[in-house]
Structures are given as C-alpha cells and as structure tokens.
Protein backbone atom coordinates (compact mmCIF):
# COMPACT_ATOMS: atom_id res chain seq x y z
CA MET A 1 30.57 10.21 -60.06
CA LYS A 2 27.15 10.22 -58.39
CA ALA A 3 24.53 12.65 -59.60
CA LEU A 4 20.94 13.74 -59.06
CA LEU A 5 19.08 14.07 -62.35
CA ILE A 6 16.28 16.65 -62.43
CA GLY A 7 14.00 16.01 -65.40
CA CYS A 8 11.91 19.04 -66.35
CA GLY A 9 8.88 18.75 -68.61
CA GLU A 10 7.98 15.69 -70.64
CA GLY A 11 11.11 15.72 -72.81
CA GLY A 12 13.47 16.15 -69.87
CA SER A 13 11.60 13.50 -67.90
CA ARG A 14 11.79 11.00 -70.76
CA LEU A 15 15.53 11.62 -71.14
CA THR A 16 15.95 11.15 -67.39
CA GLU A 17 14.00 7.90 -67.54
CA ALA A 18 16.25 6.68 -70.38
CA ILE A 19 19.39 7.42 -68.32
CA MET A 20 17.94 5.53 -65.37
CA LYS A 21 17.19 2.54 -67.64
CA ILE A 22 20.75 2.62 -69.00
CA GLN A 23 22.05 2.61 -65.41
CA CYS A 24 20.09 -0.58 -64.74
CA ALA A 25 21.21 -2.18 -68.01
CA THR A 26 24.84 -1.31 -67.25
CA PHE A 27 25.02 -2.48 -63.64
CA GLY A 28 22.29 -5.12 -63.62
CA CYS A 29 18.95 -5.17 -61.81
CA ASP A 30 17.55 -7.00 -58.82
CA SER A 31 14.29 -8.97 -58.86
CA GLU A 32 12.27 -5.74 -58.49
CA GLY A 33 14.02 -4.10 -61.45
CA LYS A 34 16.12 -1.73 -59.32
CA SER A 35 19.70 -1.08 -60.39
CA LEU A 36 22.27 -3.05 -58.37
CA LYS A 37 24.65 -0.08 -58.35
CA LYS A 38 23.43 3.50 -58.22
CA GLN A 39 25.34 6.28 -59.88
CA PHE A 40 22.23 8.36 -60.54
CA ASP A 41 19.05 9.20 -58.72
CA ALA A 42 16.23 11.25 -60.20
CA ILE A 43 13.33 13.61 -59.72
CA LEU A 44 10.79 14.53 -62.40
CA ILE A 45 9.03 17.91 -62.50
CA ASN A 46 6.14 18.70 -64.83
CA THR A 47 2.95 20.72 -65.15
CA THR A 48 1.09 17.76 -66.69
CA ASN A 49 -0.10 15.02 -64.38
CA ASP A 50 -0.71 12.54 -67.24
CA ASP A 51 2.91 12.87 -68.41
CA LEU A 52 4.24 12.25 -64.91
CA GLU A 53 2.06 9.16 -64.53
CA ASP A 54 3.08 7.74 -67.92
CA ILE A 55 6.82 8.01 -67.39
CA ASP A 56 8.17 4.81 -65.85
CA LYS A 57 4.62 3.76 -65.01
CA PRO A 58 5.62 0.61 -63.08
CA GLY A 59 8.08 2.66 -61.00
CA LEU A 60 11.05 0.42 -61.77
CA PHE A 61 13.57 3.17 -62.37
CA ILE A 62 12.05 6.28 -60.77
CA ASP A 63 10.04 6.05 -57.56
CA GLY A 64 6.58 7.62 -57.76
CA LYS A 65 7.49 9.83 -54.77
CA ARG A 66 10.12 11.43 -57.02
CA LYS A 67 7.55 12.94 -59.38
CA LEU A 68 6.44 16.50 -58.66
CA LEU A 69 3.43 18.15 -60.28
CA ILE A 70 3.78 21.93 -60.37
CA GLY A 71 1.47 24.73 -61.47
CA THR A 72 -1.68 23.43 -59.83
CA GLY A 73 -2.33 26.93 -58.49
CA TYR A 74 -2.84 28.34 -62.00
CA SER A 75 -6.09 27.88 -63.88
CA GLU A 76 -4.06 27.90 -67.13
CA THR A 77 -2.14 24.77 -66.12
CA SER A 78 -3.77 23.15 -63.06
CA GLY A 79 -2.37 19.70 -63.80
CA HIS A 80 -3.10 19.82 -67.52
CA GLY A 81 0.21 21.29 -68.70
CA SER A 82 1.48 24.52 -70.12
CA GLY A 83 0.28 23.78 -73.64
CA GLY A 84 3.68 24.32 -75.21
CA ASN A 85 3.90 27.81 -73.72
CA PRO A 86 7.23 28.33 -71.90
CA ARG A 87 5.83 31.45 -70.17
CA LEU A 88 3.22 29.31 -68.39
CA GLY A 89 5.86 26.72 -67.49
CA THR A 90 8.00 29.50 -66.04
CA LEU A 91 5.10 30.94 -64.04
CA ALA A 92 4.32 27.49 -62.64
CA ALA A 93 7.95 26.88 -61.67
CA ASN A 94 8.32 30.31 -60.07
CA HIS A 95 5.04 29.89 -58.19
CA ASP A 96 6.09 26.48 -56.86
CA TRP A 97 9.78 27.23 -56.36
CA GLY A 98 9.51 26.53 -52.62
CA ARG A 99 7.88 23.14 -53.25
CA ILE A 100 10.57 22.27 -55.81
CA ALA A 101 13.36 23.21 -53.40
CA ALA A 102 11.71 21.28 -50.55
CA LYS A 103 11.34 18.15 -52.73
CA ILE A 104 15.00 18.31 -53.77
CA GLU A 105 16.03 18.72 -50.10
CA GLU A 106 13.84 15.74 -49.15
CA ILE A 107 15.46 13.58 -51.82
CA LEU A 108 18.96 14.69 -50.84
CA SER A 109 18.24 13.77 -47.22
CA GLU A 110 17.03 10.35 -48.33
CA ILE A 111 20.08 9.88 -50.56
CA ASN A 112 22.40 10.80 -47.69
CA ARG A 113 20.93 7.96 -45.63
CA ASN A 114 21.55 5.46 -48.46
CA PRO A 115 25.04 3.90 -48.25
CA ASP A 116 25.04 3.28 -52.02
CA MET A 117 24.31 6.91 -52.91
CA ASN A 118 25.34 9.02 -49.94
CA ASP A 119 27.47 11.61 -51.74
CA ILE A 120 26.14 13.57 -54.69
CA ASP A 121 28.89 15.00 -56.89
CA ALA A 122 26.69 16.80 -59.42
CA PHE A 123 23.19 17.91 -60.34
CA PHE A 124 22.00 17.65 -63.92
CA VAL A 125 18.93 19.62 -64.93
CA ILE A 126 17.60 17.88 -68.03
CA SER A 127 15.08 19.55 -70.30
CA ALA A 128 14.13 19.71 -73.95
CA LEU A 129 13.10 22.53 -76.26
CA GLY A 130 9.56 21.34 -76.92
CA GLY A 131 8.07 24.59 -75.73
CA GLY A 132 6.40 23.70 -72.44
CA SER A 133 7.35 23.11 -68.81
CA GLY A 134 10.97 22.16 -69.44
CA SER A 135 11.82 24.77 -72.06
CA PRO A 136 14.32 27.38 -70.93
CA ARG A 137 13.21 30.96 -71.33
CA PRO A 138 15.75 33.82 -71.34
CA GLY A 139 15.87 35.65 -68.04
CA CYS A 140 13.99 32.93 -66.20
CA GLY A 141 15.10 31.28 -63.04
CA PRO A 142 14.33 31.11 -59.38
CA PRO A 143 13.04 34.31 -57.81
CA ALA A 144 15.71 36.55 -56.34
CA ALA A 145 16.18 36.10 -52.59
C-alpha cells in the first residue's frame, strides 16, 4: 500500500516524521538519507512556523517544500500558532483551505511522476489532541462547496 500522510499540527507532524523515519529504517537509506523504497510520502500543515522548521530540520525524511504554514492571514496566529486553541486552528485551516488543497494537488502531481510512488492507495490525516492546529473540533471541516 502507498499512502500520503498529512500531518496536522505539531503532534501530527511529529507522528508523521516518526513514520517516515521508520520507513527509512525498514527499507534502508541512500547516502542522502532518503528511503530506498517509498511506501509513504508526507505533507506537514501547521500554524506555527517554528514547529514546521524544527521537524526533520535536515530534510532527510520530509522535503522542506512539503511543509505548509497556514493562518498567516489572522493576527491571532500569523505564524506563531493557535496557542492551544482549536477554534483558531480551525479558522486558519478554513481560511487557507484553497492553499491546502492546492498543495496536496501539487504533491500528488509530483508523486504521479515518480515511478516509485506513482499510485496512492490511501490518505492518512494524522493529528493529536494537544489543543491547537491539529486538534479536531466537532462540526469542523472544509467549507461547503
């Protein structure tokens, strides 16, 4: 099975990073630290720029182009996080829903050009319940079309 992992918030992003490290440990890594066989690819989404930068800082497991900062249009978050408030995380995600969808489409197009990863069988949205960007909130989701 080949899957795209979507890490939301710091907790979800750290879990996603751990899965990507396990992939490399399982299948082996090349001289640059990239997994020899890819079963998973990833994108990280967060309202905190510092968290995005800290996760997989050398970019061995998750390419820096696969990290998306959301909520920059809100003075409450603007790159500094939702402060453990799921309502702010939800507002940021809803505000930037188009950017999130475009980034996922961009990654899927790139994956489809990669012979090692050209068919995605599943998407896994990975989050934690820490209270911020990745925390699910009842009734929240993408805006209705």
